[in-house]
Amino acid sequence: MDLGIKGKRAMVAAGTKGIGLACATELAKEGCRVSICARDEAKFAVAAEHIRSEAPDADLHFQVCDVTSRNDLQAWVDEVNQSWGGVDILVTNTGGPPAGHWTEMNDDHWQSGFESTVLNVTRMVEMVAPTMKAQGWGRIIHITSVVAKEPSALLPISSTLRSGLMSLTLLQSKELAPYGVTVNGVLPGHTMTDRQVHLAEVVSARDEISVEEALTQRGQTLPVGRLGQADEIGAAVAFLASKRASFISGINLLVDGGQVNCPS
């Protein structure tokens, strides 16, 4: 299927590993020019090698950026605008807030969680929306989590803030729809990433089992009987970023192997 986005200019936050890297890779495979930001410049070469192993002719740009910093985000957007003349696709993505019981979370945990999970999203959309509106076309995809739909006692901050992000997604979609800009959320379920390994380590310490056992058990809780793979999330994002998804806006798409028990 031709997604019709060859040559489109895409920005992917936190795109050097995990789900972010998978999103960048899928977009590059579709012929997009892809700009990736991350805090650690040392990871750029490995990310570029991975992407070009699947999209040899990929046009890539990397920028050191802390997504919790307004100045860093603005510098990234300005660089893409200057180099490519605008932005067509934005994928917002960040690492998750710390895991643990809600009574173990302090004010700093909640504040930093808000900045990394919600505030950075509002900033990024604020910065790219004018260009998208002016050109009459845009795709914005927020990477969130199934805990937005079904709260996890292990992830109280993420559960609370990401559920609010679903509402923000809907609000943004309604405001930008008249300009040809769609806004959607993607809610990954248990997916094999560094974050998943970290959560397995928490469960391992709590339940006195190995990390491998914790990962296996988590996969077996899903109806499909396994953990998801990052490229499966990336494929969903690429479709929502495509011309073929022009009539899809304001949704929060579960990509979870049937994990969540509530209707989507």
Foldseek 3Di string as FASTA:
>chain_A
DQLAQAAAEEEFEPQLFFLNLLLQLLQQLNRYAYEYEEQDPVSVVVSVVVSCVNRVPHNYHYAHADLLDLVRLLVSQVVCCVVPVAHAEYEQDDDAQAWDAPVPDDPVSLVVRCSRQPVSVVSNCVNRLVRLLVVLHHEYEYEAACLLVPPDRGRNSSNVNRVVVLVVQLVVQVVRLVSLYAGEYEHEAQEPTPSNLVVLVVVCVVVVHDSVVSQQVRQCLAPVNHHHYSNLSSVVSSNSSGPVVSVDHSYYHYPYNRNDDDDD
